[in-house]
Amino acid sequence: MMSGKKTKEQLLKELVQMQKTIEQKVEEQDNVIKSFQQLIQNDGLFSQVISNFPYPFAIFERSGTIIMANQALVHKARIRAEDVEGRKIHFLSRITNENSDVLEAAEDTFLGGTTLLKNLLEPLSMFSMDNTIPDHSDGYQSAVFFPVYQSEENISHGAVMLMK
């Protein structure tokens, strides 16, 4: 057998290790989401921790109306806190062919689903009030959508966090 080729056994070991790494990352993601959910349940939707979290984060209603945006989202998407407070930002109305997966992810949150989207095109622009796109995406290309539970069986809101 040629030394340059990997054996089936080596390939199998690499695949097993890759699967373990993926499972570990999924578990870490689940832990972060559970922590956010507990924080929201304990401190309410307008938690100071979420407000100061360094990644853009929003809580939305079933209609797609943003009811809370943290400081990072307000700053990076160049939106006004008054527009969030006045419930004037409806990110689902900004869905395009390029980011159509966002609609399904947002809807799934109200069915109890958590969705990680990757390779999004200008996700910050979904939160702007007009057709302007922020000057740069700051590297945000992923988003995780997850439900916010009012009680064990009642999903009151959805949440979205943008990631690099």
N, C-alpha and C. Protein backbone atom coordinates (compact mmCIF):
# COMPACT_ATOMS: atom_id res chain seq x y z
N MET A 1 0.85 -1.18 0.00
CA MET A 1 0.00 0.00 0.00
C MET A 1 0.89 1.24 0.00
N MET A 2 0.50 2.26 -0.73
CA MET A 2 1.30 3.47 -0.83
C MET A 2 1.20 4.27 0.46
N SER A 3 2.32 4.84 0.87
CA SER A 3 2.35 5.58 2.14
C SER A 3 1.62 6.91 2.04
N GLY A 4 1.42 7.46 0.84
CA GLY A 4 0.75 8.75 0.67
C GLY A 4 -0.76 8.66 0.85
N LYS A 5 -1.32 7.51 0.76
CA LYS A 5 -2.77 7.34 0.90
C LYS A 5 -3.10 6.97 2.33
N LYS A 6 -4.23 7.49 2.77
CA LYS A 6 -4.69 7.16 4.12
C LYS A 6 -5.44 5.84 4.07
N THR A 7 -5.27 5.10 5.12
CA THR A 7 -6.00 3.84 5.19
C THR A 7 -7.43 4.11 5.60
N LYS A 8 -8.27 3.13 5.36
CA LYS A 8 -9.67 3.25 5.77
C LYS A 8 -9.77 3.48 7.27
N GLU A 9 -8.89 2.81 8.01
CA GLU A 9 -8.89 2.95 9.46
C GLU A 9 -8.56 4.39 9.87
N GLN A 10 -7.58 5.00 9.24
CA GLN A 10 -7.21 6.40 9.53
C GLN A 10 -8.37 7.33 9.19
N LEU A 11 -8.99 7.11 8.05
CA LEU A 11 -10.11 7.95 7.64
C LEU A 11 -11.28 7.81 8.62
N LEU A 12 -11.53 6.58 9.05
CA LEU A 12 -12.61 6.35 10.01
C LEU A 12 -12.32 7.06 11.33
N LYS A 13 -11.08 7.00 11.79
CA LYS A 13 -10.70 7.69 13.03
C LYS A 13 -10.90 9.20 12.88
N GLU A 14 -10.53 9.75 11.73
CA GLU A 14 -10.71 11.19 11.50
C GLU A 14 -12.19 11.56 11.47
N LEU A 15 -13.02 10.73 10.84
CA LEU A 15 -14.45 10.99 10.80
C LEU A 15 -15.07 10.94 12.19
N VAL A 16 -14.65 9.97 12.98
CA VAL A 16 -15.16 9.86 14.35
C VAL A 16 -14.77 11.10 15.15
N GLN A 17 -13.52 11.54 15.01
CA GLN A 17 -13.06 12.73 15.73
C GLN A 17 -13.82 13.97 15.26
N MET A 18 -14.07 14.07 13.95
CA MET A 18 -14.82 15.21 13.42
C MET A 18 -16.24 15.21 13.97
N GLN A 19 -16.87 14.05 14.05
CA GLN A 19 -18.22 13.97 14.59
C GLN A 19 -18.24 14.37 16.06
N LYS A 20 -17.25 13.96 16.82
CA LYS A 20 -17.16 14.34 18.24
C LYS A 20 -17.03 15.86 18.37
N THR A 21 -16.22 16.46 17.51
CA THR A 21 -16.04 17.92 17.53
C THR A 21 -17.36 18.62 17.22
N ILE A 22 -18.06 18.14 16.21
CA ILE A 22 -19.36 18.73 15.84
C ILE A 22 -20.35 18.59 16.99
N GLU A 23 -20.41 17.41 17.58
CA GLU A 23 -21.33 17.18 18.70
C GLU A 23 -21.01 18.11 19.87
N GLN A 24 -19.72 18.33 20.12
CA GLN A 24 -19.30 19.21 21.21
C GLN A 24 -19.73 20.65 20.92
N LYS A 25 -19.57 21.09 19.68
CA LYS A 25 -19.98 22.45 19.32
C LYS A 25 -21.49 22.62 19.42
N VAL A 26 -22.25 21.61 19.02
CA VAL A 26 -23.71 21.67 19.13
C VAL A 26 -24.10 21.75 20.61
N GLU A 27 -23.43 20.97 21.44
CA GLU A 27 -23.72 20.98 22.88
C GLU A 27 -23.40 22.36 23.47
N GLU A 28 -22.28 22.95 23.07
CA GLU A 28 -21.92 24.28 23.55
C GLU A 28 -22.95 25.31 23.11
N GLN A 29 -23.39 25.23 21.86
CA GLN A 29 -24.41 26.14 21.35
C GLN A 29 -25.69 25.98 22.15
N ASP A 30 -26.10 24.73 22.40
CA ASP A 30 -27.31 24.49 23.18
C ASP A 30 -27.19 25.08 24.59
N ASN A 31 -26.01 24.96 25.18
CA ASN A 31 -25.80 25.52 26.52
C ASN A 31 -25.91 27.04 26.52
N VAL A 32 -25.37 27.68 25.51
CA VAL A 32 -25.47 29.14 25.41
C VAL A 32 -26.93 29.55 25.26
N ILE A 33 -27.66 28.87 24.40
CA ILE A 33 -29.07 29.20 24.19
C ILE A 33 -29.87 28.99 25.46
N LYS A 34 -29.64 27.89 26.17
CA LYS A 34 -30.34 27.63 27.43
C LYS A 34 -30.03 28.71 28.45
N SER A 35 -28.77 29.17 28.47
CA SER A 35 -28.40 30.24 29.40
C SER A 35 -29.16 31.52 29.08
N PHE A 36 -29.24 31.86 27.80
CA PHE A 36 -30.00 33.05 27.40
C PHE A 36 -31.47 32.90 27.77
N GLN A 37 -32.03 31.73 27.52
CA GLN A 37 -33.43 31.51 27.84
C GLN A 37 -33.68 31.65 29.35
N GLN A 38 -32.79 31.10 30.17
CA GLN A 38 -32.94 31.23 31.62
C GLN A 38 -32.78 32.67 32.05
N LEU A 39 -31.83 33.37 31.46
CA LEU A 39 -31.62 34.77 31.79
C LEU A 39 -32.86 35.59 31.48
N ILE A 40 -33.45 35.35 30.33
CA ILE A 40 -34.65 36.08 29.94
C ILE A 40 -35.81 35.74 30.87
N GLN A 41 -35.95 34.47 31.22
CA GLN A 41 -37.03 34.08 32.13
C GLN A 41 -36.85 34.70 33.51
N ASN A 42 -35.61 34.76 33.98
CA ASN A 42 -35.36 35.28 35.33
C ASN A 42 -35.34 36.80 35.39
N ASP A 43 -34.76 37.44 34.39
CA ASP A 43 -34.59 38.90 34.42
C ASP A 43 -35.58 39.64 33.53
N GLY A 44 -36.36 38.91 32.74
CA GLY A 44 -37.28 39.56 31.83
C GLY A 44 -36.61 39.82 30.49
N LEU A 45 -37.41 40.29 29.54
CA LEU A 45 -36.91 40.49 28.18
C LEU A 45 -35.83 41.56 28.10
N PHE A 46 -35.83 42.50 29.02
CA PHE A 46 -34.92 43.63 28.91
C PHE A 46 -33.77 43.52 29.90
N SER A 47 -33.09 42.41 29.87
CA SER A 47 -31.97 42.14 30.76
C SER A 47 -30.79 43.05 30.43
N GLN A 48 -30.11 43.53 31.46
CA GLN A 48 -28.91 44.35 31.27
C GLN A 48 -27.79 43.54 30.63
N VAL A 49 -27.72 42.26 30.93
CA VAL A 49 -26.68 41.41 30.35
C VAL A 49 -26.86 41.35 28.83
N ILE A 50 -28.08 41.12 28.40
CA ILE A 50 -28.36 41.05 26.96
C ILE A 50 -28.14 42.42 26.32
N SER A 51 -28.57 43.46 26.99
CA SER A 51 -28.41 44.81 26.45
C SER A 51 -26.95 45.14 26.17
N ASN A 52 -26.05 44.65 27.00
CA ASN A 52 -24.62 44.94 26.86
C ASN A 52 -23.83 43.81 26.20
N PHE A 53 -24.51 42.78 25.74
CA PHE A 53 -23.85 41.65 25.09
C PHE A 53 -23.15 42.15 23.83
N PRO A 54 -21.94 41.69 23.53
CA PRO A 54 -21.18 42.26 22.41
C PRO A 54 -21.65 41.87 21.01
N TYR A 55 -22.51 40.88 20.90
CA TYR A 55 -23.02 40.49 19.59
C TYR A 55 -24.43 41.03 19.40
N PRO A 56 -24.78 41.42 18.16
CA PRO A 56 -26.13 41.91 17.88
C PRO A 56 -27.19 40.88 18.27
N PHE A 57 -28.18 41.33 19.01
CA PHE A 57 -29.19 40.44 19.58
C PHE A 57 -30.52 41.16 19.57
N ALA A 58 -31.60 40.44 19.21
CA ALA A 58 -32.94 41.04 19.21
C ALA A 58 -33.96 40.01 19.67
N ILE A 59 -35.02 40.52 20.25
CA ILE A 59 -36.17 39.70 20.61
C ILE A 59 -37.33 40.21 19.76
N PHE A 60 -38.08 39.26 19.19
CA PHE A 60 -39.13 39.64 18.25
C PHE A 60 -40.43 38.91 18.55
N GLU A 61 -41.52 39.52 18.06
CA GLU A 61 -42.85 38.92 18.14
C GLU A 61 -43.07 38.03 16.92
N ARG A 62 -44.15 37.28 16.94
CA ARG A 62 -44.51 36.38 15.84
C ARG A 62 -44.56 37.12 14.50
N SER A 63 -44.97 38.36 14.52
CA SER A 63 -45.10 39.17 13.30
C SER A 63 -43.76 39.61 12.73
N GLY A 64 -42.69 39.43 13.50
CA GLY A 64 -41.38 39.90 13.08
C GLY A 64 -41.05 41.28 13.62
N THR A 65 -41.92 41.82 14.45
CA THR A 65 -41.67 43.12 15.06
C THR A 65 -40.62 42.97 16.16
N ILE A 66 -39.58 43.77 16.05
CA ILE A 66 -38.52 43.76 17.06
C ILE A 66 -39.03 44.53 18.28
N ILE A 67 -39.02 43.87 19.44
CA ILE A 67 -39.45 44.56 20.66
C ILE A 67 -38.28 44.90 21.56
N MET A 68 -37.12 44.32 21.27
CA MET A 68 -35.91 44.63 22.03
C MET A 68 -34.70 44.39 21.14
N ALA A 69 -33.81 45.35 21.12
CA ALA A 69 -32.55 45.20 20.40
C ALA A 69 -31.44 45.66 21.35
N ASN A 70 -30.39 44.88 21.43
CA ASN A 70 -29.32 45.29 22.34
C ASN A 70 -28.49 46.41 21.71
N GLN A 71 -27.59 46.95 22.50
CA GLN A 71 -26.79 48.09 22.06
C GLN A 71 -25.95 47.76 20.83
N ALA A 72 -25.44 46.54 20.75
CA ALA A 72 -24.62 46.15 19.60
C ALA A 72 -25.43 46.19 18.31
N LEU A 73 -26.67 45.71 18.35
CA LEU A 73 -27.51 45.73 17.15
C LEU A 73 -27.89 47.16 16.78
N VAL A 74 -28.26 47.96 17.76
CA VAL A 74 -28.63 49.36 17.50
C VAL A 74 -27.45 50.08 16.84
N HIS A 75 -26.27 49.88 17.38
CA HIS A 75 -25.09 50.57 16.85
C HIS A 75 -24.68 50.04 15.47
N LYS A 76 -24.55 48.72 15.34
CA LYS A 76 -24.01 48.15 14.11
C LYS A 76 -25.00 48.21 12.94
N ALA A 77 -26.29 48.12 13.22
CA ALA A 77 -27.30 48.22 12.15
C ALA A 77 -27.74 49.66 11.93
N ARG A 78 -27.24 50.56 12.75
CA ARG A 78 -27.56 51.99 12.69
C ARG A 78 -29.07 52.22 12.73
N ILE A 79 -29.68 51.63 13.75
CA ILE A 79 -31.11 51.86 13.98
C ILE A 79 -31.25 52.72 15.23
N ARG A 80 -32.41 53.27 15.40
CA ARG A 80 -32.64 54.13 16.57
C ARG A 80 -33.39 53.35 17.64
N ALA A 81 -32.96 53.54 18.87
CA ALA A 81 -33.62 52.88 20.00
C ALA A 81 -35.10 53.26 20.04
N GLU A 82 -35.42 54.49 19.64
CA GLU A 82 -36.82 54.94 19.64
C GLU A 82 -37.67 54.12 18.66
N ASP A 83 -37.06 53.72 17.54
CA ASP A 83 -37.80 52.92 16.57
C ASP A 83 -38.06 51.51 17.11
N VAL A 84 -37.12 50.99 17.89
CA VAL A 84 -37.33 49.69 18.53
C VAL A 84 -38.43 49.82 19.57
N GLU A 85 -38.31 50.83 20.43
CA GLU A 85 -39.31 51.05 21.48
C GLU A 85 -40.69 51.31 20.90
N GLY A 86 -40.75 51.99 19.76
CA GLY A 86 -42.02 52.27 19.09
C GLY A 86 -42.52 51.11 18.23
N ARG A 87 -41.77 50.02 18.25
CA ARG A 87 -42.12 48.81 17.50
C ARG A 87 -42.30 49.10 16.01
N LYS A 88 -41.35 49.85 15.47
CA LYS A 88 -41.41 50.24 14.06
C LYS A 88 -40.54 49.36 13.16
N ILE A 89 -39.77 48.46 13.75
CA ILE A 89 -38.87 47.63 12.95
C ILE A 89 -39.47 46.24 12.82
N HIS A 90 -39.74 45.86 11.58
CA HIS A 90 -40.34 44.56 11.27
C HIS A 90 -39.37 43.83 10.34
N PHE A 91 -38.48 43.04 10.91
CA PHE A 91 -37.41 42.47 10.10
C PHE A 91 -37.91 41.44 9.09
N LEU A 92 -39.05 40.81 9.31
CA LEU A 92 -39.55 39.83 8.33
C LEU A 92 -40.00 40.50 7.03
N SER A 93 -40.32 41.78 7.10
CA SER A 93 -40.70 42.49 5.88
C SER A 93 -39.49 42.77 4.99
N ARG A 94 -38.30 42.53 5.51
CA ARG A 94 -37.06 42.79 4.77
C ARG A 94 -36.47 41.52 4.17
N ILE A 95 -37.25 40.44 4.17
CA ILE A 95 -36.75 39.18 3.64
C ILE A 95 -36.60 39.28 2.12
N THR A 96 -35.47 38.79 1.63
CA THR A 96 -35.21 38.76 0.19
C THR A 96 -34.90 37.31 -0.21
N ASN A 97 -34.72 37.10 -1.49
CA ASN A 97 -34.34 35.76 -1.95
C ASN A 97 -33.02 35.31 -1.32
N GLU A 98 -32.12 36.26 -1.10
CA GLU A 98 -30.80 35.92 -0.55
C GLU A 98 -30.87 35.49 0.90
N ASN A 99 -31.89 35.93 1.64
CA ASN A 99 -31.96 35.56 3.06
C ASN A 99 -33.31 34.93 3.41
N SER A 100 -33.88 34.21 2.47
CA SER A 100 -35.21 33.62 2.67
C SER A 100 -35.25 32.58 3.79
N ASP A 101 -34.11 31.99 4.11
CA ASP A 101 -34.06 31.02 5.21
C ASP A 101 -34.40 31.66 6.55
N VAL A 102 -34.24 32.97 6.64
CA VAL A 102 -34.53 33.69 7.88
C VAL A 102 -36.01 33.56 8.22
N LEU A 103 -36.88 33.64 7.24
CA LEU A 103 -38.32 33.53 7.48
C LEU A 103 -38.66 32.19 8.13
N GLU A 104 -38.15 31.12 7.55
CA GLU A 104 -38.41 29.79 8.10
C GLU A 104 -37.83 29.65 9.51
N ALA A 105 -36.63 30.16 9.72
CA ALA A 105 -36.00 30.08 11.05
C ALA A 105 -36.82 30.85 12.08
N ALA A 106 -37.31 32.03 11.70
CA ALA A 106 -38.12 32.84 12.63
C ALA A 106 -39.44 32.13 12.96
N GLU A 107 -40.06 31.55 11.96
CA GLU A 107 -41.31 30.83 12.19
C GLU A 107 -41.09 29.60 13.06
N ASP A 108 -39.98 28.91 12.84
CA ASP A 108 -39.68 27.69 13.62
C ASP A 108 -39.48 27.99 15.11
N THR A 109 -39.04 29.20 15.44
CA THR A 109 -38.84 29.51 16.86
C THR A 109 -40.15 29.39 17.62
N PHE A 110 -41.27 29.71 16.98
CA PHE A 110 -42.57 29.66 17.66
C PHE A 110 -43.13 28.24 17.69
N LEU A 111 -42.41 27.32 17.08
CA LEU A 111 -42.74 25.89 17.18
C LEU A 111 -41.76 25.18 18.10
N GLY A 112 -40.88 25.98 18.74
CA GLY A 112 -39.91 25.43 19.68
C GLY A 112 -38.58 25.08 19.06
N GLY A 113 -38.38 25.47 17.80
CA GLY A 113 -37.14 25.11 17.10
C GLY A 113 -36.03 26.12 17.29
N THR A 114 -34.83 25.62 17.21
CA THR A 114 -33.62 26.44 17.21
C THR A 114 -32.94 26.22 15.87
N THR A 115 -32.55 27.31 15.22
CA THR A 115 -31.96 27.21 13.89
C THR A 115 -30.70 28.04 13.81
N LEU A 116 -29.65 27.45 13.28
CA LEU A 116 -28.41 28.16 13.01
C LEU A 116 -28.32 28.36 11.51
N LEU A 117 -28.23 29.62 11.08
CA LEU A 117 -28.09 29.94 9.66
C LEU A 117 -26.67 30.45 9.42
N LYS A 118 -26.07 30.02 8.34
CA LYS A 118 -24.71 30.46 8.00
C LYS A 118 -24.72 31.09 6.62
N ASN A 119 -23.68 31.83 6.33
CA ASN A 119 -23.48 32.46 5.02
C ASN A 119 -24.61 33.40 4.64
N LEU A 120 -25.12 34.14 5.62
CA LEU A 120 -26.15 35.13 5.33
C LEU A 120 -25.53 36.34 4.64
N LEU A 121 -26.28 36.95 3.76
CA LEU A 121 -25.81 38.12 3.04
C LEU A 121 -26.30 39.37 3.75
N GLU A 122 -25.39 40.14 4.32
CA GLU A 122 -25.71 41.39 5.01
C GLU A 122 -26.85 41.25 6.02
N PRO A 123 -26.71 40.39 7.02
CA PRO A 123 -27.81 40.20 7.97
C PRO A 123 -28.17 41.45 8.76
N LEU A 124 -27.23 42.37 8.95
CA LEU A 124 -27.55 43.61 9.67
C LEU A 124 -28.58 44.45 8.93
N SER A 125 -28.64 44.33 7.60
CA SER A 125 -29.57 45.15 6.83
C SER A 125 -31.03 44.77 7.09
N MET A 126 -31.28 43.58 7.61
CA MET A 126 -32.66 43.18 7.90
C MET A 126 -33.28 44.04 9.00
N PHE A 127 -32.45 44.70 9.77
CA PHE A 127 -32.95 45.46 10.90
C PHE A 127 -33.02 46.96 10.65
N SER A 128 -32.54 47.39 9.49
CA SER A 128 -32.56 48.83 9.20
C SER A 128 -33.98 49.27 8.86
N MET A 129 -34.24 50.55 9.05
CA MET A 129 -35.59 51.10 8.83
C MET A 129 -35.87 51.39 7.36
N ASP A 130 -34.83 51.58 6.59
CA ASP A 130 -35.03 51.93 5.18
C ASP A 130 -34.19 50.98 4.33
N ASN A 131 -33.90 51.36 3.13
CA ASN A 131 -33.16 50.48 2.24
C ASN A 131 -31.65 50.60 2.38
N THR A 132 -31.19 51.32 3.38
CA THR A 132 -29.75 51.44 3.55
C THR A 132 -29.19 50.17 4.16
N ILE A 133 -28.02 49.86 3.72
CA ILE A 133 -27.30 48.72 4.27
C ILE A 133 -26.12 49.29 5.03
N PRO A 134 -25.89 48.84 6.23
CA PRO A 134 -24.73 49.34 6.97
C PRO A 134 -23.47 49.25 6.12
N ASP A 135 -22.54 50.18 6.33
CA ASP A 135 -21.33 50.26 5.51
C ASP A 135 -20.58 48.95 5.42
N HIS A 136 -20.56 48.20 6.49
CA HIS A 136 -19.86 46.94 6.51
C HIS A 136 -20.61 45.98 7.43
N SER A 137 -20.43 44.72 7.17
CA SER A 137 -21.17 43.72 7.94
C SER A 137 -20.47 43.37 9.23
N ASP A 138 -19.26 43.89 9.44
CA ASP A 138 -18.46 43.55 10.62
C ASP A 138 -18.21 42.05 10.70
N GLY A 139 -18.36 41.38 9.59
CA GLY A 139 -18.08 39.94 9.57
C GLY A 139 -19.24 39.07 10.00
N TYR A 140 -20.40 39.66 10.28
CA TYR A 140 -21.55 38.86 10.70
C TYR A 140 -22.14 38.17 9.49
N GLN A 141 -22.10 36.85 9.53
CA GLN A 141 -22.65 36.05 8.42
C GLN A 141 -23.53 34.91 8.92
N SER A 142 -23.62 34.77 10.23
CA SER A 142 -24.42 33.69 10.81
C SER A 142 -25.41 34.26 11.80
N ALA A 143 -26.46 33.50 12.03
CA ALA A 143 -27.46 33.90 13.02
C ALA A 143 -28.05 32.64 13.64
N VAL A 144 -28.32 32.73 14.94
CA VAL A 144 -29.02 31.65 15.60
C VAL A 144 -30.36 32.19 16.08
N PHE A 145 -31.41 31.48 15.75
CA PHE A 145 -32.78 31.83 16.14
C PHE A 145 -33.23 30.81 17.17
N PHE A 146 -33.84 31.28 18.26
CA PHE A 146 -34.33 30.34 19.26
C PHE A 146 -35.55 30.92 19.97
N PRO A 147 -36.36 30.03 20.56
CA PRO A 147 -37.59 30.49 21.23
C PRO A 147 -37.32 31.07 22.61
N VAL A 148 -38.20 31.97 23.02
CA VAL A 148 -38.20 32.53 24.36
C VAL A 148 -39.49 32.05 25.01
N TYR A 149 -39.34 31.29 26.06
CA TYR A 149 -40.51 30.69 26.72
C TYR A 149 -41.03 31.59 27.84
N GLN A 150 -42.34 31.78 27.84
CA GLN A 150 -42.99 32.48 28.94
C GLN A 150 -43.23 31.49 30.08
N SER A 151 -43.58 30.28 29.71
CA SER A 151 -43.71 29.17 30.65
C SER A 151 -43.19 27.94 29.93
N GLU A 152 -43.23 26.81 30.58
CA GLU A 152 -42.67 25.60 29.98
C GLU A 152 -43.30 25.25 28.64
N GLU A 153 -44.57 25.60 28.46
CA GLU A 153 -45.27 25.23 27.24
C GLU A 153 -45.60 26.42 26.34
N ASN A 154 -45.38 27.64 26.80
CA ASN A 154 -45.81 28.82 26.06
C ASN A 154 -44.61 29.61 25.55
N ILE A 155 -44.48 29.66 24.23
CA ILE A 155 -43.41 30.45 23.62
C ILE A 155 -43.96 31.84 23.37
N SER A 156 -43.39 32.83 24.06
CA SER A 156 -43.92 34.18 23.96
C SER A 156 -43.25 35.00 22.86
N HIS A 157 -41.97 34.74 22.60
CA HIS A 157 -41.20 35.52 21.64
C HIS A 157 -40.14 34.65 20.99
N GLY A 158 -39.53 35.21 19.97
CA GLY A 158 -38.36 34.59 19.35
C GLY A 158 -37.16 35.48 19.62
N ALA A 159 -35.98 34.90 19.52
CA ALA A 159 -34.74 35.66 19.69
C ALA A 159 -33.81 35.34 18.54
N VAL A 160 -33.01 36.33 18.18
CA VAL A 160 -32.00 36.13 17.14
C VAL A 160 -30.71 36.79 17.60
N MET A 161 -29.61 36.06 17.40
CA MET A 161 -28.29 36.60 17.70
C MET A 161 -27.43 36.42 16.47
N LEU A 162 -26.81 37.50 16.03
CA LEU A 162 -25.91 37.44 14.88
C LEU A 162 -24.52 37.05 15.37
N MET A 163 -23.82 36.29 14.55
CA MET A 163 -22.49 35.84 14.90
C MET A 163 -21.56 35.96 13.69
N LYS A 164 -20.29 35.95 13.97
CA LYS A 164 -19.29 36.02 12.89
C LYS A 164 -18.97 34.64 12.38
